[in-house]
Each structure stands twice: as C-alpha cells, then as structure tokens.
Amino acid sequence: ESARGLKAGEFLLEAMIARAMQLEAEPLYLLSNAKCAAAIHL
C-alpha cells in the first residue's frame, strides 16, 4: 500500500510480460477475483 500510485504494479507487470514472451509462454494466463477491480483494469 505504501507504493500505490507510483505505477510500480504496471512497471512490474510490463517486466513480467516481457519475461513471459522470452519464455514463449502459450498461454500466459491469470486467475483472479472480481473484487480485485484495480488489478483487473491493469
């Protein structure tokens, strides 16, 4: 919570997607819950 608003999650997610592409992930997927609306939007 101390880092919310710094775009740390977006920065991290971009890095992780790039890594998944290097690994030729197919599929790259995620499981979540509708309560996590901010994360789902990202």
PDB file of all heavy atoms in Angstrom:
ATOM      1  N   GLU A   1       0.817  -1.209   0.000  1.00  0.00           N
ATOM      2  CA  GLU A   1       0.000   0.000   0.000  1.00  0.00           C
ATOM      3  C   GLU A   1       0.856   1.267   0.000  1.00  0.00           C
ATOM      4  O   GLU A   1       0.483   2.269  -0.597  1.00  0.00           O
ATOM      5  CB  GLU A   1      -0.967  -0.005   1.185  1.00  0.00           C
ATOM      6  CG  GLU A   1      -2.357   0.063   0.637  1.00  0.00           C
ATOM      7  CD  GLU A   1      -3.447  -0.158   1.629  1.00  0.00           C
ATOM      8  OE1 GLU A   1      -3.802  -1.317   1.853  1.00  0.00           O
ATOM      9  OE2 GLU A   1      -3.929   0.867   2.134  1.00  0.00           O
ATOM     10  N   SER A   2       2.013   1.206   0.621  1.00  0.00           N
ATOM     11  CA  SER A   2       2.904   2.371   0.694  1.00  0.00           C
ATOM     12  C   SER A   2       3.370   2.831  -0.684  1.00  0.00           C
ATOM     13  O   SER A   2       3.815   3.957  -0.843  1.00  0.00           O
ATOM     14  CB  SER A   2       4.129   2.049   1.557  1.00  0.00           C
ATOM     15  OG  SER A   2       4.867   0.976   0.982  1.00  0.00           O
ATOM     16  N   ALA A   3       3.255   1.955  -1.692  1.00  0.00           N
ATOM     17  CA  ALA A   3       3.733   2.288  -3.038  1.00  0.00           C
ATOM     18  C   ALA A   3       2.603   2.535  -4.030  1.00  0.00           C
ATOM     19  O   ALA A   3       2.865   2.776  -5.208  1.00  0.00           O
ATOM     20  CB  ALA A   3       4.631   1.164  -3.552  1.00  0.00           C
ATOM     21  N   ARG A   4       1.366   2.486  -3.578  1.00  0.00           N
ATOM     22  CA  ARG A   4       0.251   2.704  -4.508  1.00  0.00           C
ATOM     23  C   ARG A   4       0.379   4.105  -5.103  1.00  0.00           C
ATOM     24  O   ARG A   4       0.746   5.050  -4.420  1.00  0.00           O
ATOM     25  CB  ARG A   4      -1.092   2.548  -3.788  1.00  0.00           C
ATOM     26  CG  ARG A   4      -1.297   1.193  -3.131  1.00  0.00           C
ATOM     27  CD  ARG A   4      -1.959   0.166  -4.051  1.00  0.00           C
ATOM     28  NE  ARG A   4      -1.680  -1.202  -3.637  1.00  0.00           N
ATOM     29  CZ  ARG A   4      -2.329  -1.874  -2.706  1.00  0.00           C
ATOM     30  NH1 ARG A   4      -3.307  -1.297  -2.049  1.00  0.00           N
ATOM     31  NH2 ARG A   4      -2.004  -3.125  -2.431  1.00  0.00           N
ATOM     32  N   GLY A   5       0.104   4.211  -6.395  1.00  0.00           N
ATOM     33  CA  GLY A   5       0.208   5.499  -7.077  1.00  0.00           C
ATOM     34  C   GLY A   5       1.544   5.739  -7.751  1.00  0.00           C
ATOM     35  O   GLY A   5       1.685   6.679  -8.520  1.00  0.00           O
ATOM     36  N   LEU A   6       2.533   4.872  -7.493  1.00  0.00           N
ATOM     37  CA  LEU A   6       3.860   5.040  -8.103  1.00  0.00           C
ATOM     38  C   LEU A   6       3.978   4.305  -9.435  1.00  0.00           C
ATOM     39  O   LEU A   6       5.026   4.343 -10.068  1.00  0.00           O
ATOM     40  CB  LEU A   6       4.956   4.514  -7.160  1.00  0.00           C
ATOM     41  CG  LEU A   6       5.079   5.195  -5.798  1.00  0.00           C
ATOM     42  CD1 LEU A   6       6.181   4.529  -4.976  1.00  0.00           C
ATOM     43  CD2 LEU A   6       5.374   6.678  -5.973  1.00  0.00           C
ATOM     44  N   LYS A   7       2.908   3.611  -9.846  1.00  0.00           N
ATOM     45  CA  LYS A   7       2.900   2.791 -11.065  1.00  0.00           C
ATOM     46  C   LYS A   7       3.863   1.610 -10.963  1.00  0.00           C
ATOM     47  O   LYS A   7       4.317   1.068 -11.967  1.00  0.00           O
ATOM     48  CB  LYS A   7       3.181   3.635 -12.309  1.00  0.00           C
ATOM     49  CG  LYS A   7       2.147   4.727 -12.537  1.00  0.00           C
ATOM     50  CD  LYS A   7       1.784   4.823 -13.990  1.00  0.00           C
ATOM     51  CE  LYS A   7       0.703   5.859 -14.206  1.00  0.00           C
ATOM     52  NZ  LYS A   7      -0.584   5.280 -14.416  1.00  0.00           N
ATOM     53  N   ALA A   8       4.164   1.197  -9.733  1.00  0.00           N
ATOM     54  CA  ALA A   8       5.069   0.059  -9.517  1.00  0.00           C
ATOM     55  C   ALA A   8       4.452  -1.228 -10.062  1.00  0.00           C
ATOM     56  O   ALA A   8       5.152  -2.062 -10.636  1.00  0.00           O
ATOM     57  CB  ALA A   8       5.396  -0.090  -8.029  1.00  0.00           C
ATOM     58  N   GLY A   9       3.138  -1.389  -9.904  1.00  0.00           N
ATOM     59  CA  GLY A   9       2.476  -2.588 -10.405  1.00  0.00           C
ATOM     60  C   GLY A   9       2.529  -2.673 -11.922  1.00  0.00           C
ATOM     61  O   GLY A   9       2.801  -3.737 -12.480  1.00  0.00           O
ATOM     62  N   GLU A  10       2.293  -1.557 -12.584  1.00  0.00           N
ATOM     63  CA  GLU A  10       2.348  -1.533 -14.049  1.00  0.00           C
ATOM     64  C   GLU A  10       3.762  -1.814 -14.539  1.00  0.00           C
ATOM     65  O   GLU A  10       3.975  -2.597 -15.473  1.00  0.00           O
ATOM     66  CB  GLU A  10       1.867  -0.167 -14.557  1.00  0.00           C
ATOM     67  CG  GLU A  10       1.764  -0.099 -16.057  1.00  0.00           C
ATOM     68  CD  GLU A  10       1.052   1.160 -16.548  1.00  0.00           C
ATOM     69  OE1 GLU A  10       0.388   1.857 -15.743  1.00  0.00           O
ATOM     70  OE2 GLU A  10       1.150   1.435 -17.756  1.00  0.00           O
ATOM     71  N   PHE A  11       4.755  -1.209 -13.894  1.00  0.00           N
ATOM     72  CA  PHE A  11       6.159  -1.427 -14.237  1.00  0.00           C
ATOM     73  C   PHE A  11       6.520  -2.901 -14.078  1.00  0.00           C
ATOM     74  O   PHE A  11       7.144  -3.511 -14.955  1.00  0.00           O
ATOM     75  CB  PHE A  11       7.017  -0.539 -13.318  1.00  0.00           C
ATOM     76  CG  PHE A  11       8.486  -0.567 -13.608  1.00  0.00           C
ATOM     77  CD1 PHE A  11       8.998   0.061 -14.734  1.00  0.00           C
ATOM     78  CD2 PHE A  11       9.358  -1.194 -12.736  1.00  0.00           C
ATOM     79  CE1 PHE A  11      10.370   0.050 -14.985  1.00  0.00           C
ATOM     80  CE2 PHE A  11      10.725  -1.200 -12.974  1.00  0.00           C
ATOM     81  CZ  PHE A  11      11.232  -0.576 -14.107  1.00  0.00           C
ATOM     82  N   LEU A  12       6.095  -3.489 -12.977  1.00  0.00           N
ATOM     83  CA  LEU A  12       6.360  -4.901 -12.685  1.00  0.00           C
ATOM     84  C   LEU A  12       5.648  -5.804 -13.688  1.00  0.00           C
ATOM     85  O   LEU A  12       6.239  -6.755 -14.217  1.00  0.00           O
ATOM     86  CB  LEU A  12       5.905  -5.216 -11.264  1.00  0.00           C
ATOM     87  CG  LEU A  12       6.059  -6.654 -10.770  1.00  0.00           C
ATOM     88  CD1 LEU A  12       7.506  -7.093 -10.788  1.00  0.00           C
ATOM     89  CD2 LEU A  12       5.486  -6.770  -9.354  1.00  0.00           C
ATOM     90  N   LEU A  13       4.386  -5.516 -13.974  1.00  0.00           N
ATOM     91  CA  LEU A  13       3.624  -6.344 -14.906  1.00  0.00           C
ATOM     92  C   LEU A  13       4.231  -6.283 -16.311  1.00  0.00           C
ATOM     93  O   LEU A  13       4.321  -7.310 -16.990  1.00  0.00           O
ATOM     94  CB  LEU A  13       2.153  -5.907 -14.925  1.00  0.00           C
ATOM     95  CG  LEU A  13       1.212  -6.739 -15.796  1.00  0.00           C
ATOM     96  CD1 LEU A  13       1.249  -8.222 -15.428  1.00  0.00           C
ATOM     97  CD2 LEU A  13      -0.209  -6.204 -15.688  1.00  0.00           C
ATOM     98  N   GLU A  14       4.665  -5.111 -16.746  1.00  0.00           N
ATOM     99  CA  GLU A  14       5.314  -4.996 -18.059  1.00  0.00           C
ATOM    100  C   GLU A  14       6.578  -5.852 -18.115  1.00  0.00           C
ATOM    101  O   GLU A  14       6.829  -6.542 -19.111  1.00  0.00           O
ATOM    102  CB  GLU A  14       5.653  -3.535 -18.371  1.00  0.00           C
ATOM    103  CG  GLU A  14       4.437  -2.705 -18.726  1.00  0.00           C
ATOM    104  CD  GLU A  14       4.728  -1.220 -18.847  1.00  0.00           C
ATOM    105  OE1 GLU A  14       5.803  -0.754 -18.388  1.00  0.00           O
ATOM    106  OE2 GLU A  14       3.875  -0.502 -19.403  1.00  0.00           O
ATOM    107  N   ALA A  15       7.367  -5.829 -17.038  1.00  0.00           N
ATOM    108  CA  ALA A  15       8.589  -6.639 -16.981  1.00  0.00           C
ATOM    109  C   ALA A  15       8.252  -8.128 -17.015  1.00  0.00           C
ATOM    110  O   ALA A  15       8.941  -8.923 -17.670  1.00  0.00           O
ATOM    111  CB  ALA A  15       9.394  -6.300 -15.720  1.00  0.00           C
ATOM    112  N   MET A  16       7.190  -8.517 -16.325  1.00  0.00           N
ATOM    113  CA  MET A  16       6.816  -9.924 -16.276  1.00  0.00           C
ATOM    114  C   MET A  16       6.264 -10.406 -17.617  1.00  0.00           C
ATOM    115  O   MET A  16       6.558 -11.520 -18.040  1.00  0.00           O
ATOM    116  CB  MET A  16       5.813 -10.160 -15.147  1.00  0.00           C
ATOM    117  CG  MET A  16       5.695 -11.606 -14.770  1.00  0.00           C
ATOM    118  SD  MET A  16       7.277 -12.428 -14.397  1.00  0.00           S
ATOM    119  CE  MET A  16       7.243 -12.414 -12.621  1.00  0.00           C
ATOM    120  N   ILE A  17       5.496  -9.583 -18.304  1.00  0.00           N
ATOM    121  CA  ILE A  17       5.003  -9.949 -19.640  1.00  0.00           C
ATOM    122  C   ILE A  17       6.187 -10.123 -20.591  1.00  0.00           C
ATOM    123  O   ILE A  17       6.230 -11.087 -21.366  1.00  0.00           O
ATOM    124  CB  ILE A  17       3.988  -8.913 -20.168  1.00  0.00           C
ATOM    125  CG1 ILE A  17       2.687  -8.984 -19.362  1.00  0.00           C
ATOM    126  CG2 ILE A  17       3.721  -9.119 -21.663  1.00  0.00           C
ATOM    127  CD1 ILE A  17       1.708  -7.833 -19.635  1.00  0.00           C
ATOM    128  N   ALA A  18       7.145  -9.213 -20.515  1.00  0.00           N
ATOM    129  CA  ALA A  18       8.341  -9.323 -21.367  1.00  0.00           C
ATOM    130  C   ALA A  18       9.073 -10.641 -21.091  1.00  0.00           C
ATOM    131  O   ALA A  18       9.513 -11.323 -22.020  1.00  0.00           O
ATOM    132  CB  ALA A  18       9.269  -8.124 -21.142  1.00  0.00           C
ATOM    133  N   ARG A  19       9.190 -11.007 -19.814  1.00  0.00           N
ATOM    134  CA  ARG A  19       9.857 -12.267 -19.469  1.00  0.00           C
ATOM    135  C   ARG A  19       9.063 -13.458 -20.009  1.00  0.00           C
ATOM    136  O   ARG A  19       9.627 -14.406 -20.548  1.00  0.00           O
ATOM    137  CB  ARG A  19      10.014 -12.371 -17.956  1.00  0.00           C
ATOM    138  CG  ARG A  19      10.665 -13.664 -17.493  1.00  0.00           C
ATOM    139  CD  ARG A  19      12.118 -13.804 -17.991  1.00  0.00           C
ATOM    140  NE  ARG A  19      12.941 -12.742 -17.477  1.00  0.00           N
ATOM    141  CZ  ARG A  19      13.550 -12.795 -16.292  1.00  0.00           C
ATOM    142  NH1 ARG A  19      13.447 -13.862 -15.534  1.00  0.00           N
ATOM    143  NH2 ARG A  19      14.262 -11.773 -15.886  1.00  0.00           N
ATOM    144  N   ALA A  20       7.747 -13.408 -19.885  1.00  0.00           N
ATOM    145  CA  ALA A  20       6.907 -14.497 -20.395  1.00  0.00           C
ATOM    146  C   ALA A  20       7.072 -14.649 -21.902  1.00  0.00           C
ATOM    147  O   ALA A  20       7.109 -15.772 -22.412  1.00  0.00           O
ATOM    148  CB  ALA A  20       5.441 -14.236 -20.035  1.00  0.00           C
ATOM    149  N   MET A  21       7.205 -13.538 -22.620  1.00  0.00           N
ATOM    150  CA  MET A  21       7.406 -13.603 -24.066  1.00  0.00           C
ATOM    151  C   MET A  21       8.768 -14.225 -24.396  1.00  0.00           C
ATOM    152  O   MET A  21       8.892 -14.987 -25.341  1.00  0.00           O
ATOM    153  CB  MET A  21       7.260 -12.212 -24.704  1.00  0.00           C
ATOM    154  CG  MET A  21       5.851 -11.605 -24.567  1.00  0.00           C
ATOM    155  SD  MET A  21       4.490 -12.617 -25.232  1.00  0.00           S
ATOM    156  CE  MET A  21       3.880 -13.489 -23.777  1.00  0.00           C
ATOM    157  N   GLN A  22       9.790 -13.920 -23.583  1.00  0.00           N
ATOM    158  CA  GLN A  22      11.104 -14.555 -23.772  1.00  0.00           C
ATOM    159  C   GLN A  22      11.000 -16.068 -23.592  1.00  0.00           C
ATOM    160  O   GLN A  22      11.687 -16.831 -24.261  1.00  0.00           O
ATOM    161  CB  GLN A  22      12.128 -14.012 -22.769  1.00  0.00           C
ATOM    162  CG  GLN A  22      12.572 -12.599 -23.019  1.00  0.00           C
ATOM    163  CD  GLN A  22      13.460 -12.068 -21.885  1.00  0.00           C
ATOM    164  OE1 GLN A  22      13.551 -12.656 -20.814  1.00  0.00           O
ATOM    165  NE2 GLN A  22      14.097 -10.944 -22.140  1.00  0.00           N
ATOM    166  N   LEU A  23      10.137 -16.495 -22.675  1.00  0.00           N
ATOM    167  CA  LEU A  23       9.947 -17.924 -22.399  1.00  0.00           C
ATOM    168  C   LEU A  23       8.971 -18.569 -23.386  1.00  0.00           C
ATOM    169  O   LEU A  23       8.700 -19.763 -23.283  1.00  0.00           O
ATOM    170  CB  LEU A  23       9.417 -18.112 -20.966  1.00  0.00           C
ATOM    171  CG  LEU A  23      10.367 -17.709 -19.847  1.00  0.00           C
ATOM    172  CD1 LEU A  23       9.647 -17.705 -18.504  1.00  0.00           C
ATOM    173  CD2 LEU A  23      11.568 -18.641 -19.812  1.00  0.00           C
ATOM    174  N   GLU A  24       8.455 -17.762 -24.332  1.00  0.00           N
ATOM    175  CA  GLU A  24       7.482 -18.223 -25.322  1.00  0.00           C
ATOM    176  C   GLU A  24       6.258 -18.850 -24.661  1.00  0.00           C
ATOM    177  O   GLU A  24       5.752 -19.894 -25.078  1.00  0.00           O
ATOM    178  CB  GLU A  24       8.144 -19.180 -26.325  1.00  0.00           C
ATOM    179  CG  GLU A  24       9.278 -18.515 -27.079  1.00  0.00           C
ATOM    180  CD  GLU A  24       9.979 -19.448 -28.055  1.00  0.00           C
ATOM    181  OE1 GLU A  24       9.777 -20.677 -27.991  1.00  0.00           O
ATOM    182  OE2 GLU A  24      10.736 -18.925 -28.886  1.00  0.00           O
ATOM    183  N   ALA A  25       5.789 -18.195 -23.606  1.00  0.00           N
ATOM    184  CA  ALA A  25       4.619 -18.675 -22.864  1.00  0.00           C
ATOM    185  C   ALA A  25       3.394 -18.738 -23.769  1.00  0.00           C
ATOM    186  O   ALA A  25       3.079 -17.772 -24.454  1.00  0.00           O
ATOM    187  CB  ALA A  25       4.344 -17.742 -21.685  1.00  0.00           C
ATOM    188  N   GLU A  26       2.730 -19.880 -23.759  1.00  0.00           N
ATOM    189  CA  GLU A  26       1.487 -20.051 -24.526  1.00  0.00           C
ATOM    190  C   GLU A  26       0.678 -21.167 -23.902  1.00  0.00           C
ATOM    191  O   GLU A  26       1.045 -22.319 -24.033  1.00  0.00           O
ATOM    192  CB  GLU A  26       1.807 -20.346 -25.992  1.00  0.00           C
ATOM    193  CG  GLU A  26       0.575 -20.480 -26.875  1.00  0.00           C
ATOM    194  CD  GLU A  26      -0.415 -19.315 -26.768  1.00  0.00           C
ATOM    195  OE1 GLU A  26      -0.021 -18.143 -26.709  1.00  0.00           O
ATOM    196  OE2 GLU A  26      -1.610 -19.608 -26.701  1.00  0.00           O
ATOM    197  N   PRO A  27      -0.374 -20.849 -23.186  1.00  0.00           N
ATOM    198  CA  PRO A  27      -0.846 -19.483 -22.937  1.00  0.00           C
ATOM    199  C   PRO A  27      -0.156 -18.858 -21.725  1.00  0.00           C
ATOM    200  O   PRO A  27       0.377 -19.567 -20.870  1.00  0.00           O
ATOM    201  CB  PRO A  27      -2.324 -19.711 -22.617  1.00  0.00           C
ATOM    202  CG  PRO A  27      -2.347 -21.046 -21.914  1.00  0.00           C
ATOM    203  CD  PRO A  27      -1.269 -21.850 -22.610  1.00  0.00           C
ATOM    204  N   LEU A  28      -0.197 -17.531 -21.679  1.00  0.00           N
ATOM    205  CA  LEU A  28       0.106 -16.766 -20.469  1.00  0.00           C
ATOM    206  C   LEU A  28      -1.260 -16.347 -19.956  1.00  0.00           C
ATOM    207  O   LEU A  28      -2.030 -15.715 -20.674  1.00  0.00           O
ATOM    208  CB  LEU A  28       0.958 -15.535 -20.789  1.00  0.00           C
ATOM    209  CG  LEU A  28       1.133 -14.536 -19.633  1.00  0.00           C
ATOM    210  CD1 LEU A  28       1.793 -15.190 -18.426  1.00  0.00           C
ATOM    211  CD2 LEU A  28       1.922 -13.314 -20.096  1.00  0.00           C
ATOM    212  N   TYR A  29      -1.581 -16.773 -18.745  1.00  0.00           N
ATOM    213  CA  TYR A  29      -2.914 -16.521 -18.221  1.00  0.00           C
ATOM    214  C   TYR A  29      -2.837 -16.136 -16.752  1.00  0.00           C
ATOM    215  O   TYR A  29      -1.781 -16.234 -16.116  1.00  0.00           O
ATOM    216  CB  TYR A  29      -3.803 -17.760 -18.397  1.00  0.00           C
ATOM    217  CG  TYR A  29      -3.389 -18.937 -17.558  1.00  0.00           C
ATOM    218  CD1 TYR A  29      -3.976 -19.172 -16.318  1.00  0.00           C
ATOM    219  CD2 TYR A  29      -2.405 -19.810 -17.986  1.00  0.00           C
ATOM    220  CE1 TYR A  29      -3.590 -20.247 -15.527  1.00  0.00           C
ATOM    221  CE2 TYR A  29      -2.014 -20.892 -17.211  1.00  0.00           C
ATOM    222  CZ  TYR A  29      -2.607 -21.104 -15.989  1.00  0.00           C
ATOM    223  OH  TYR A  29      -2.217 -22.158 -15.208  1.00  0.00           O
ATOM    224  N   LEU A  30      -3.969 -15.684 -16.229  1.00  0.00           N
ATOM    225  CA  LEU A  30      -4.052 -15.381 -14.804  1.00  0.00           C
ATOM    226  C   LEU A  30      -5.442 -15.709 -14.306  1.00  0.00           C
ATOM    227  O   LEU A  30      -6.405 -15.772 -15.076  1.00  0.00           O
ATOM    228  CB  LEU A  30      -3.701 -13.910 -14.533  1.00  0.00           C
ATOM    229  CG  LEU A  30      -4.575 -12.840 -15.172  1.00  0.00           C
ATOM    230  CD1 LEU A  30      -5.799 -12.520 -14.311  1.00  0.00           C
ATOM    231  CD2 LEU A  30      -3.770 -11.579 -15.391  1.00  0.00           C
ATOM    232  N   LEU A  31      -5.521 -15.944 -13.018  1.00  0.00           N
ATOM    233  CA  LEU A  31      -6.773 -16.225 -12.328  1.00  0.00           C
ATOM    234  C   LEU A  31      -6.934 -15.171 -11.251  1.00  0.00           C
ATOM    235  O   LEU A  31      -5.977 -14.872 -10.539  1.00  0.00           O
ATOM    236  CB  LEU A  31      -6.737 -17.624 -11.705  1.00  0.00           C
ATOM    237  CG  LEU A  31      -6.428 -18.760 -12.679  1.00  0.00           C
ATOM    238  CD1 LEU A  31      -6.229 -20.070 -11.925  1.00  0.00           C
ATOM    239  CD2 LEU A  31      -7.526 -18.896 -13.716  1.00  0.00           C
ATOM    240  N   SER A  32      -8.116 -14.598 -11.137  1.00  0.00           N
ATOM    241  CA  SER A  32      -8.319 -13.527 -10.174  1.00  0.00           C
ATOM    242  C   SER A  32      -9.740 -13.574  -9.627  1.00  0.00           C
ATOM    243  O   SER A  32     -10.439 -14.571  -9.778  1.00  0.00           O
ATOM    244  CB  SER A  32      -8.016 -12.173 -10.837  1.00  0.00           C
ATOM    245  OG  SER A  32      -7.969 -11.144  -9.864  1.00  0.00           O
ATOM    246  N   ASN A  33     -10.117 -12.476  -9.008  1.00  0.00           N
ATOM    247  CA  ASN A  33     -11.447 -12.343  -8.429  1.00  0.00           C
ATOM    248  C   ASN A  33     -11.951 -10.948  -8.756  1.00  0.00           C
ATOM    249  O   ASN A  33     -11.179  -9.977  -8.735  1.00  0.00           O
ATOM    250  CB  ASN A  33     -11.380 -12.543  -6.907  1.00  0.00           C
ATOM    251  CG  ASN A  33     -12.741 -12.482  -6.258  1.00  0.00           C
ATOM    252  OD1 ASN A  33     -13.301 -11.405  -6.072  1.00  0.00           O
ATOM    253  ND2 ASN A  33     -13.278 -13.640  -5.911  1.00  0.00           N
ATOM    254  N   ALA A  34     -13.236 -10.839  -9.020  1.00  0.00           N
ATOM    255  CA  ALA A  34     -13.827  -9.556  -9.397  1.00  0.00           C
ATOM    256  C   ALA A  34     -13.607  -8.466  -8.344  1.00  0.00           C
ATOM    257  O   ALA A  34     -13.639  -7.280  -8.656  1.00  0.00           O
ATOM    258  CB  ALA A  34     -15.321  -9.736  -9.680  1.00  0.00           C
ATOM    259  N   LYS A  35     -13.369  -8.862  -7.075  1.00  0.00           N
ATOM    260  CA  LYS A  35     -13.085  -7.877  -6.024  1.00  0.00           C
ATOM    261  C   LYS A  35     -11.785  -7.120  -6.301  1.00  0.00           C
ATOM    262  O   LYS A  35     -11.572  -6.042  -5.770  1.00  0.00           O
ATOM    263  CB  LYS A  35     -12.961  -8.570  -4.658  1.00  0.00           C
ATOM    264  CG  LYS A  35     -14.299  -8.952  -4.051  1.00  0.00           C
ATOM    265  CD  LYS A  35     -14.149  -9.831  -2.819  1.00  0.00           C
ATOM    266  CE  LYS A  35     -13.597  -9.143  -1.607  1.00  0.00           C
ATOM    267  NZ  LYS A  35     -13.633 -10.006  -0.403  1.00  0.00           N
ATOM    268  N   CYS A  36     -10.909  -7.685  -7.119  1.00  0.00           N
ATOM    269  CA  CYS A  36      -9.611  -7.073  -7.429  1.00  0.00           C
ATOM    270  C   CYS A  36      -9.749  -6.170  -8.663  1.00  0.00           C
ATOM    271  O   CYS A  36      -9.003  -6.288  -9.638  1.00  0.00           O
ATOM    272  CB  CYS A  36      -8.567  -8.158  -7.680  1.00  0.00           C
ATOM    273  SG  CYS A  36      -8.355  -9.301  -6.318  1.00  0.00           S
ATOM    274  N   ALA A  37     -10.698  -5.250  -8.611  1.00  0.00           N
ATOM    275  CA  ALA A  37     -11.047  -4.436  -9.782  1.00  0.00           C
ATOM    276  C   ALA A  37      -9.867  -3.622 -10.320  1.00  0.00           C
ATOM    277  O   ALA A  37      -9.675  -3.544 -11.536  1.00  0.00           O
ATOM    278  CB  ALA A  37     -12.208  -3.513  -9.443  1.00  0.00           C
ATOM    279  N   ALA A  38      -9.066  -3.026  -9.448  1.00  0.00           N
ATOM    280  CA  ALA A  38      -7.940  -2.212  -9.913  1.00  0.00           C
ATOM    281  C   ALA A  38      -6.922  -3.079 -10.652  1.00  0.00           C
ATOM    282  O   ALA A  38      -6.406  -2.688 -11.705  1.00  0.00           O
ATOM    283  CB  ALA A  38      -7.280  -1.489  -8.739  1.00  0.00           C
ATOM    284  N   ALA A  39      -6.660  -4.261 -10.117  1.00  0.00           N
ATOM    285  CA  ALA A  39      -5.716  -5.170 -10.768  1.00  0.00           C
ATOM    286  C   ALA A  39      -6.266  -5.630 -12.114  1.00  0.00           C
ATOM    287  O   ALA A  39      -5.535  -5.649 -13.114  1.00  0.00           O
ATOM    288  CB  ALA A  39      -5.434  -6.376  -9.869  1.00  0.00           C
ATOM    289  N   ILE A  40      -7.530  -5.968 -12.167  1.00  0.00           N
ATOM    290  CA  ILE A  40      -8.136  -6.433 -13.423  1.00  0.00           C
ATOM    291  C   ILE A  40      -8.063  -5.333 -14.476  1.00  0.00           C
ATOM    292  O   ILE A  40      -7.754  -5.589 -15.642  1.00  0.00           O
ATOM    293  CB  ILE A  40      -9.583  -6.918 -13.179  1.00  0.00           C
ATOM    294  CG1 ILE A  40      -9.537  -8.224 -12.363  1.00  0.00           C
ATOM    295  CG2 ILE A  40     -10.332  -7.111 -14.501  1.00  0.00           C
ATOM    296  CD1 ILE A  40     -10.862  -8.651 -11.777  1.00  0.00           C
ATOM    297  N   HIS A  41      -8.304  -4.099 -14.073  1.00  0.00           N
ATOM    298  CA  HIS A  41      -8.191  -2.971 -15.000  1.00  0.00           C
ATOM    299  C   HIS A  41      -6.763  -2.882 -15.557  1.00  0.00           C
ATOM    300  O   HIS A  41      -6.567  -2.667 -16.760  1.00  0.00           O
ATOM    301  CB  HIS A  41      -8.587  -1.665 -14.302  1.00  0.00           C
ATOM    302  CG  HIS A  41      -8.403  -0.465 -15.164  1.00  0.00           C
ATOM    303  ND1 HIS A  41      -9.234  -0.172 -16.229  1.00  0.00           N
ATOM    304  CD2 HIS A  41      -7.463   0.518 -15.146  1.00  0.00           C
ATOM    305  CE1 HIS A  41      -8.813   0.936 -16.820  1.00  0.00           C
ATOM    306  NE2 HIS A  41      -7.736   1.365 -16.178  1.00  0.00           N
ATOM    307  N   LEU A  42      -5.764  -3.056 -14.696  1.00  0.00           N
ATOM    308  CA  LEU A  42      -4.362  -3.015 -15.137  1.00  0.00           C
ATOM    309  C   LEU A  42      -4.079  -4.166 -16.110  1.00  0.00           C
ATOM    310  O   LEU A  42      -3.431  -3.969 -17.142  1.00  0.00           O
ATOM    311  CB  LEU A  42      -3.426  -3.086 -13.927  1.00  0.00           C
ATOM    312  CG  LEU A  42      -1.928  -3.131 -14.231  1.00  0.00           C
ATOM    313  CD1 LEU A  42      -1.477  -1.899 -15.000  1.00  0.00           C
ATOM    314  CD2 LEU A  42      -1.135  -3.269 -12.941  1.00  0.00           C
TER     315      LEU A  42
END
